[in-house]
Amino acid sequence: MTKRKILFVCIHNSARSQMAAAFLNETGKDFFSAQSAGLEPGILNPYVVAVMAEAGIDISDSQTKAVSALLGSKDPFDAVITVCDAASSARCPVFPGRTKRIAWFFPDPSGFKGTKEEILEQTRKVRDLIRAQVIQFVKQAADTKFWA
């Protein structure tokens, strides 16, 4: 069985898209191959690395990358899932072929303020929301009607 290729996109590829790709590669590894990219790649968020480690997933070696670098891929994505706000989601480029576009909206951990523990707690909440959404996606995408 060929795995469906999924691309998660957010602004800096430093938090939300990294978490979503990691969760999909873990929970849907038999059916999906996930990557992540950003509109304006930044630096991997250390709070995200920490909360993902708490969840048993090491993303410390992940590199941020530009979505534009993936546009010419000869092997098209089956779905591009934006994980940022609506305005930023609209900036995502159109990928050629029959790529399904999906938008999920999550708060951006790079904007969290407070003590280290407060930022970690806010980031954990986003992590848990993303994990729940990915699990729901795996269940939905198992239905062939989803891809029609």
N, C-alpha and C. Protein backbone atom coordinates (compact mmCIF):
# COMPACT_ATOMS: atom_id res chain seq x y z
N MET A 1 0.84 -1.18 0.00
CA MET A 1 0.00 0.00 0.00
C MET A 1 0.89 1.25 0.00
N THR A 2 0.58 2.17 -0.87
CA THR A 2 1.30 3.43 -0.95
C THR A 2 0.79 4.38 0.14
N LYS A 3 1.73 4.98 0.84
CA LYS A 3 1.35 5.93 1.88
C LYS A 3 0.94 7.25 1.25
N ARG A 4 -0.06 7.89 1.83
CA ARG A 4 -0.47 9.22 1.39
C ARG A 4 0.51 10.24 1.94
N LYS A 5 0.91 11.17 1.08
CA LYS A 5 1.85 12.22 1.47
C LYS A 5 1.09 13.43 1.98
N ILE A 6 1.43 13.86 3.18
CA ILE A 6 0.76 14.99 3.82
C ILE A 6 1.80 16.05 4.16
N LEU A 7 1.47 17.30 3.87
CA LEU A 7 2.34 18.42 4.21
C LEU A 7 1.59 19.33 5.18
N PHE A 8 2.21 19.60 6.32
CA PHE A 8 1.68 20.55 7.29
C PHE A 8 2.43 21.86 7.13
N VAL A 9 1.67 22.97 7.08
CA VAL A 9 2.26 24.28 6.85
C VAL A 9 1.81 25.25 7.93
N CYS A 10 2.78 26.02 8.46
CA CYS A 10 2.46 27.15 9.32
C CYS A 10 3.43 28.28 8.95
N ILE A 11 3.44 29.34 9.71
CA ILE A 11 4.24 30.51 9.34
C ILE A 11 5.74 30.21 9.36
N HIS A 12 6.26 29.82 10.53
CA HIS A 12 7.71 29.69 10.68
C HIS A 12 8.23 28.26 10.69
N ASN A 13 7.34 27.28 10.61
CA ASN A 13 7.72 25.88 10.68
C ASN A 13 8.53 25.60 11.94
N SER A 14 8.17 26.32 13.00
CA SER A 14 8.93 26.19 14.24
C SER A 14 8.14 25.51 15.36
N ALA A 15 6.84 25.31 15.17
CA ALA A 15 6.03 24.79 16.27
C ALA A 15 4.89 23.90 15.78
N ARG A 16 3.78 24.51 15.35
CA ARG A 16 2.56 23.77 15.06
C ARG A 16 2.73 22.74 13.95
N SER A 17 3.32 23.11 12.85
CA SER A 17 3.48 22.16 11.75
C SER A 17 4.46 21.05 12.12
N GLN A 18 5.47 21.38 12.92
CA GLN A 18 6.43 20.37 13.38
C GLN A 18 5.72 19.33 14.26
N MET A 19 4.87 19.82 15.17
CA MET A 19 4.14 18.91 16.06
C MET A 19 3.18 18.03 15.26
N ALA A 20 2.44 18.64 14.35
CA ALA A 20 1.45 17.89 13.57
C ALA A 20 2.11 16.79 12.74
N ALA A 21 3.20 17.12 12.06
CA ALA A 21 3.90 16.13 11.25
C ALA A 21 4.44 14.99 12.12
N ALA A 22 5.00 15.34 13.26
CA ALA A 22 5.54 14.32 14.16
C ALA A 22 4.43 13.40 14.67
N PHE A 23 3.30 13.96 15.05
CA PHE A 23 2.19 13.13 15.53
C PHE A 23 1.64 12.24 14.42
N LEU A 24 1.51 12.78 13.20
CA LEU A 24 0.98 11.95 12.11
C LEU A 24 1.97 10.85 11.75
N ASN A 25 3.25 11.16 11.74
CA ASN A 25 4.24 10.13 11.44
C ASN A 25 4.27 9.04 12.50
N GLU A 26 3.83 9.39 13.70
CA GLU A 26 3.77 8.37 14.76
C GLU A 26 2.45 7.60 14.71
N THR A 27 1.32 8.30 14.71
CA THR A 27 0.02 7.62 14.83
C THR A 27 -0.48 7.05 13.51
N GLY A 28 -0.03 7.61 12.41
CA GLY A 28 -0.52 7.13 11.12
C GLY A 28 0.59 6.57 10.24
N LYS A 29 1.66 6.10 10.87
CA LYS A 29 2.86 5.71 10.13
C LYS A 29 2.63 4.62 9.08
N ASP A 30 1.60 3.81 9.24
CA ASP A 30 1.32 2.76 8.26
C ASP A 30 0.62 3.29 7.02
N PHE A 31 0.03 4.47 7.12
CA PHE A 31 -0.79 4.99 6.03
C PHE A 31 -0.33 6.34 5.48
N PHE A 32 0.48 7.07 6.27
CA PHE A 32 0.86 8.44 5.90
C PHE A 32 2.35 8.66 6.02
N SER A 33 2.82 9.60 5.22
CA SER A 33 4.18 10.12 5.33
C SER A 33 4.02 11.63 5.41
N ALA A 34 4.37 12.21 6.55
CA ALA A 34 4.14 13.64 6.77
C ALA A 34 5.44 14.42 6.77
N GLN A 35 5.35 15.64 6.24
CA GLN A 35 6.43 16.61 6.28
C GLN A 35 5.84 17.91 6.79
N SER A 36 6.72 18.83 7.14
CA SER A 36 6.24 20.15 7.55
C SER A 36 7.12 21.21 6.91
N ALA A 37 6.53 22.40 6.74
CA ALA A 37 7.25 23.52 6.15
C ALA A 37 6.59 24.81 6.60
N GLY A 38 7.27 25.93 6.35
CA GLY A 38 6.75 27.22 6.76
C GLY A 38 6.76 28.23 5.64
N LEU A 39 5.90 29.23 5.76
CA LEU A 39 5.88 30.31 4.77
C LEU A 39 7.13 31.17 4.91
N GLU A 40 7.58 31.37 6.13
CA GLU A 40 8.79 32.13 6.44
C GLU A 40 9.56 31.34 7.49
N PRO A 41 10.32 30.32 7.10
CA PRO A 41 10.96 29.43 8.09
C PRO A 41 11.77 30.19 9.13
N GLY A 42 11.65 29.73 10.36
CA GLY A 42 12.36 30.35 11.47
C GLY A 42 13.24 29.34 12.18
N ILE A 43 13.24 29.43 13.49
CA ILE A 43 14.06 28.55 14.34
C ILE A 43 13.12 27.67 15.15
N LEU A 44 13.46 26.40 15.26
CA LEU A 44 12.64 25.46 16.01
C LEU A 44 12.43 25.97 17.44
N ASN A 45 11.18 26.01 17.87
CA ASN A 45 10.81 26.54 19.17
C ASN A 45 11.24 25.57 20.28
N PRO A 46 12.10 26.01 21.21
CA PRO A 46 12.58 25.11 22.27
C PRO A 46 11.47 24.62 23.20
N TYR A 47 10.42 25.41 23.39
CA TYR A 47 9.31 24.96 24.23
C TYR A 47 8.57 23.82 23.55
N VAL A 48 8.46 23.87 22.24
CA VAL A 48 7.81 22.80 21.49
C VAL A 48 8.65 21.53 21.57
N VAL A 49 9.95 21.67 21.43
CA VAL A 49 10.84 20.51 21.56
C VAL A 49 10.63 19.86 22.93
N ALA A 50 10.55 20.68 23.97
CA ALA A 50 10.39 20.17 25.34
C ALA A 50 9.06 19.44 25.53
N VAL A 51 7.96 20.04 25.07
CA VAL A 51 6.65 19.40 25.30
C VAL A 51 6.46 18.17 24.42
N MET A 52 7.09 18.15 23.27
CA MET A 52 7.03 16.94 22.44
C MET A 52 7.83 15.82 23.10
N ALA A 53 8.96 16.15 23.71
CA ALA A 53 9.75 15.15 24.43
C ALA A 53 8.93 14.57 25.59
N GLU A 54 8.15 15.43 26.25
CA GLU A 54 7.27 14.94 27.31
C GLU A 54 6.26 13.93 26.78
N ALA A 55 5.88 14.09 25.51
CA ALA A 55 4.92 13.19 24.87
C ALA A 55 5.62 11.97 24.24
N GLY A 56 6.94 11.87 24.43
CA GLY A 56 7.68 10.72 23.92
C GLY A 56 8.15 10.84 22.49
N ILE A 57 8.15 12.07 21.94
CA ILE A 57 8.58 12.27 20.56
C ILE A 57 9.72 13.28 20.54
N ASP A 58 10.85 12.87 19.98
CA ASP A 58 12.03 13.73 19.90
C ASP A 58 12.05 14.43 18.54
N ILE A 59 11.85 15.76 18.55
CA ILE A 59 11.94 16.53 17.31
C ILE A 59 13.14 17.47 17.35
N SER A 60 14.05 17.25 18.30
CA SER A 60 15.18 18.17 18.50
C SER A 60 16.08 18.30 17.28
N ASP A 61 16.13 17.30 16.43
CA ASP A 61 16.96 17.36 15.22
C ASP A 61 16.21 17.88 14.00
N SER A 62 14.95 18.21 14.16
CA SER A 62 14.15 18.71 13.03
C SER A 62 14.69 20.05 12.55
N GLN A 63 14.66 20.23 11.26
CA GLN A 63 15.09 21.48 10.64
C GLN A 63 13.86 22.19 10.08
N THR A 64 13.84 23.52 10.18
CA THR A 64 12.74 24.26 9.55
C THR A 64 13.05 24.39 8.07
N LYS A 65 11.99 24.44 7.27
CA LYS A 65 12.18 24.57 5.82
C LYS A 65 11.05 25.38 5.21
N ALA A 66 11.34 25.91 4.04
CA ALA A 66 10.38 26.76 3.33
C ALA A 66 9.43 25.92 2.49
N VAL A 67 8.16 26.28 2.53
CA VAL A 67 7.17 25.59 1.72
C VAL A 67 7.49 25.75 0.23
N SER A 68 8.08 26.87 -0.14
CA SER A 68 8.41 27.11 -1.55
C SER A 68 9.40 26.07 -2.09
N ALA A 69 10.23 25.51 -1.23
CA ALA A 69 11.19 24.50 -1.65
C ALA A 69 10.51 23.18 -2.02
N LEU A 70 9.27 23.00 -1.59
CA LEU A 70 8.54 21.76 -1.85
C LEU A 70 7.56 21.87 -3.01
N LEU A 71 7.41 23.06 -3.56
CA LEU A 71 6.43 23.27 -4.63
C LEU A 71 6.70 22.44 -5.87
N GLY A 72 7.93 22.25 -6.23
CA GLY A 72 8.25 21.53 -7.46
C GLY A 72 8.40 20.04 -7.29
N SER A 73 7.94 19.50 -6.18
CA SER A 73 8.10 18.07 -5.91
C SER A 73 7.47 17.24 -7.01
N LYS A 74 8.24 16.28 -7.52
CA LYS A 74 7.72 15.43 -8.59
C LYS A 74 6.70 14.42 -8.06
N ASP A 75 6.70 14.21 -6.77
CA ASP A 75 5.76 13.32 -6.12
C ASP A 75 4.79 14.19 -5.32
N PRO A 76 3.62 14.52 -5.85
CA PRO A 76 2.73 15.50 -5.22
C PRO A 76 2.18 15.05 -3.87
N PHE A 77 1.80 16.04 -3.09
CA PHE A 77 1.18 15.78 -1.79
C PHE A 77 -0.29 15.44 -2.00
N ASP A 78 -0.78 14.51 -1.21
CA ASP A 78 -2.19 14.16 -1.24
C ASP A 78 -3.02 15.21 -0.51
N ALA A 79 -2.41 15.82 0.52
CA ALA A 79 -3.10 16.87 1.27
C ALA A 79 -2.07 17.85 1.81
N VAL A 80 -2.47 19.13 1.83
CA VAL A 80 -1.71 20.18 2.48
C VAL A 80 -2.62 20.71 3.58
N ILE A 81 -2.13 20.62 4.82
CA ILE A 81 -2.91 21.04 5.97
C ILE A 81 -2.23 22.23 6.62
N THR A 82 -2.91 23.38 6.59
CA THR A 82 -2.37 24.55 7.27
C THR A 82 -2.80 24.49 8.73
N VAL A 83 -1.89 24.89 9.61
CA VAL A 83 -2.16 24.81 11.04
C VAL A 83 -1.96 26.18 11.71
N CYS A 84 -2.21 27.23 10.96
CA CYS A 84 -2.06 28.59 11.48
C CYS A 84 -3.41 29.30 11.44
N ASP A 85 -3.40 30.61 11.59
CA ASP A 85 -4.67 31.35 11.56
C ASP A 85 -5.18 31.48 10.12
N ALA A 86 -6.42 31.91 9.98
CA ALA A 86 -7.08 31.96 8.67
C ALA A 86 -6.35 32.86 7.68
N ALA A 87 -5.91 34.03 8.11
CA ALA A 87 -5.23 34.95 7.20
C ALA A 87 -3.92 34.35 6.68
N SER A 88 -3.17 33.72 7.56
CA SER A 88 -1.91 33.10 7.15
C SER A 88 -2.18 31.88 6.28
N SER A 89 -3.22 31.15 6.59
CA SER A 89 -3.58 29.97 5.81
C SER A 89 -3.86 30.33 4.36
N ALA A 90 -4.47 31.48 4.15
CA ALA A 90 -4.79 31.93 2.80
C ALA A 90 -3.53 32.22 1.98
N ARG A 91 -2.41 32.46 2.65
CA ARG A 91 -1.14 32.75 1.96
C ARG A 91 -0.45 31.49 1.46
N CYS A 92 -0.93 30.33 1.87
CA CYS A 92 -0.29 29.08 1.47
C CYS A 92 -0.40 28.92 -0.05
N PRO A 93 0.70 28.57 -0.70
CA PRO A 93 0.65 28.42 -2.16
C PRO A 93 -0.22 27.24 -2.57
N VAL A 94 -0.67 27.30 -3.80
CA VAL A 94 -1.48 26.22 -4.35
C VAL A 94 -0.52 25.17 -4.91
N PHE A 95 -0.72 23.95 -4.50
CA PHE A 95 0.11 22.85 -5.00
C PHE A 95 -0.59 22.22 -6.20
N PRO A 96 0.17 21.86 -7.21
CA PRO A 96 -0.44 21.28 -8.41
C PRO A 96 -1.03 19.90 -8.15
N GLY A 97 -1.91 19.49 -9.03
CA GLY A 97 -2.51 18.17 -8.92
C GLY A 97 -3.76 18.17 -8.07
N ARG A 98 -4.10 17.01 -7.60
CA ARG A 98 -5.35 16.83 -6.83
C ARG A 98 -5.09 16.90 -5.33
N THR A 99 -4.34 17.88 -4.93
CA THR A 99 -4.01 18.03 -3.53
C THR A 99 -5.21 18.56 -2.76
N LYS A 100 -5.58 17.86 -1.71
CA LYS A 100 -6.68 18.28 -0.85
C LYS A 100 -6.14 19.35 0.10
N ARG A 101 -6.84 20.47 0.20
CA ARG A 101 -6.45 21.54 1.13
C ARG A 101 -7.34 21.51 2.35
N ILE A 102 -6.69 21.52 3.51
CA ILE A 102 -7.40 21.46 4.78
C ILE A 102 -6.82 22.54 5.68
N ALA A 103 -7.67 23.20 6.45
CA ALA A 103 -7.20 24.24 7.37
C ALA A 103 -7.59 23.89 8.80
N TRP A 104 -6.60 23.85 9.66
CA TRP A 104 -6.80 23.69 11.09
C TRP A 104 -6.24 24.95 11.74
N PHE A 105 -6.90 25.47 12.73
CA PHE A 105 -6.45 26.71 13.36
C PHE A 105 -6.03 26.46 14.81
N PHE A 106 -4.77 26.80 15.11
CA PHE A 106 -4.23 26.64 16.46
C PHE A 106 -3.48 27.90 16.85
N PRO A 107 -3.47 28.23 18.15
CA PRO A 107 -2.68 29.38 18.63
C PRO A 107 -1.19 29.14 18.34
N ASP A 108 -0.46 30.22 18.14
CA ASP A 108 0.96 30.14 17.82
C ASP A 108 1.80 30.20 19.10
N PRO A 109 2.49 29.12 19.45
CA PRO A 109 3.32 29.14 20.65
C PRO A 109 4.40 30.22 20.66
N SER A 110 4.80 30.70 19.52
CA SER A 110 5.84 31.74 19.50
C SER A 110 5.34 33.06 20.10
N GLY A 111 4.04 33.21 20.23
CA GLY A 111 3.48 34.42 20.80
C GLY A 111 3.12 34.31 22.27
N PHE A 112 3.37 33.16 22.87
CA PHE A 112 3.01 32.98 24.28
C PHE A 112 3.93 33.79 25.18
N LYS A 113 3.34 34.37 26.22
CA LYS A 113 4.07 35.20 27.18
C LYS A 113 3.91 34.62 28.58
N GLY A 114 4.83 34.98 29.46
CA GLY A 114 4.76 34.56 30.85
C GLY A 114 6.06 33.94 31.29
N THR A 115 5.98 33.25 32.43
CA THR A 115 7.15 32.55 32.94
C THR A 115 7.41 31.33 32.06
N LYS A 116 8.55 30.72 32.24
CA LYS A 116 8.87 29.51 31.48
C LYS A 116 7.78 28.46 31.67
N GLU A 117 7.35 28.24 32.92
CA GLU A 117 6.33 27.23 33.19
C GLU A 117 4.98 27.60 32.56
N GLU A 118 4.62 28.88 32.55
CA GLU A 118 3.37 29.32 31.93
C GLU A 118 3.40 29.10 30.42
N ILE A 119 4.54 29.40 29.81
CA ILE A 119 4.68 29.18 28.36
C ILE A 119 4.63 27.68 28.05
N LEU A 120 5.30 26.88 28.87
CA LEU A 120 5.25 25.43 28.66
C LEU A 120 3.82 24.91 28.78
N GLU A 121 3.08 25.40 29.76
CA GLU A 121 1.70 24.95 29.95
C GLU A 121 0.82 25.33 28.74
N GLN A 122 0.97 26.53 28.24
CA GLN A 122 0.21 26.96 27.06
C GLN A 122 0.60 26.11 25.85
N THR A 123 1.88 25.81 25.72
CA THR A 123 2.37 25.01 24.60
C THR A 123 1.86 23.58 24.71
N ARG A 124 1.80 23.04 25.91
CA ARG A 124 1.22 21.70 26.12
C ARG A 124 -0.23 21.65 25.63
N LYS A 125 -0.98 22.70 25.91
CA LYS A 125 -2.39 22.73 25.48
C LYS A 125 -2.49 22.68 23.96
N VAL A 126 -1.64 23.44 23.28
CA VAL A 126 -1.64 23.41 21.81
C VAL A 126 -1.21 22.03 21.32
N ARG A 127 -0.17 21.47 21.94
CA ARG A 127 0.28 20.12 21.58
C ARG A 127 -0.86 19.12 21.67
N ASP A 128 -1.61 19.18 22.76
CA ASP A 128 -2.70 18.23 22.97
C ASP A 128 -3.84 18.44 21.97
N LEU A 129 -4.11 19.70 21.62
CA LEU A 129 -5.12 19.98 20.60
C LEU A 129 -4.69 19.42 19.24
N ILE A 130 -3.42 19.62 18.92
CA ILE A 130 -2.90 19.12 17.64
C ILE A 130 -2.94 17.60 17.61
N ARG A 131 -2.51 16.96 18.69
CA ARG A 131 -2.53 15.49 18.74
C ARG A 131 -3.95 14.98 18.54
N ALA A 132 -4.93 15.58 19.21
CA ALA A 132 -6.33 15.16 19.07
C ALA A 132 -6.81 15.34 17.63
N GLN A 133 -6.43 16.45 16.99
CA GLN A 133 -6.84 16.70 15.60
C GLN A 133 -6.20 15.69 14.65
N VAL A 134 -4.95 15.36 14.89
CA VAL A 134 -4.27 14.37 14.04
C VAL A 134 -4.93 13.00 14.20
N ILE A 135 -5.25 12.62 15.41
CA ILE A 135 -5.92 11.33 15.64
C ILE A 135 -7.27 11.31 14.92
N GLN A 136 -8.01 12.40 14.98
CA GLN A 136 -9.29 12.49 14.27
C GLN A 136 -9.07 12.40 12.76
N PHE A 137 -8.03 13.07 12.26
CA PHE A 137 -7.71 13.02 10.83
C PHE A 137 -7.42 11.59 10.39
N VAL A 138 -6.63 10.86 11.15
CA VAL A 138 -6.30 9.47 10.80
C VAL A 138 -7.58 8.65 10.69
N LYS A 139 -8.50 8.85 11.61
CA LYS A 139 -9.77 8.12 11.58
C LYS A 139 -10.59 8.51 10.34
N GLN A 140 -10.70 9.82 10.06
CA GLN A 140 -11.47 10.29 8.91
C GLN A 140 -10.85 9.85 7.59
N ALA A 141 -9.54 9.96 7.50
CA ALA A 141 -8.84 9.69 6.24
C ALA A 141 -8.81 8.20 5.91
N ALA A 142 -9.16 7.35 6.86
CA ALA A 142 -9.24 5.92 6.58
C ALA A 142 -10.42 5.62 5.65
N ASP A 143 -11.38 6.51 5.61
CA ASP A 143 -12.56 6.36 4.75
C ASP A 143 -12.20 6.86 3.35
N THR A 144 -12.32 6.03 2.35
CA THR A 144 -11.96 6.42 0.99
C THR A 144 -12.80 7.59 0.48
N LYS A 145 -13.99 7.79 1.03
CA LYS A 145 -14.83 8.92 0.63
C LYS A 145 -14.16 10.25 0.98
N PHE A 146 -13.32 10.24 2.01
CA PHE A 146 -12.61 11.45 2.42
C PHE A 146 -11.77 12.00 1.28
N TRP A 147 -11.21 11.13 0.48
CA TRP A 147 -10.28 11.54 -0.58
C TRP A 147 -10.98 11.78 -1.91
N ALA A 148 -12.28 11.53 -1.98
CA ALA A 148 -13.03 11.69 -3.24
C ALA A 148 -13.22 13.16 -3.58
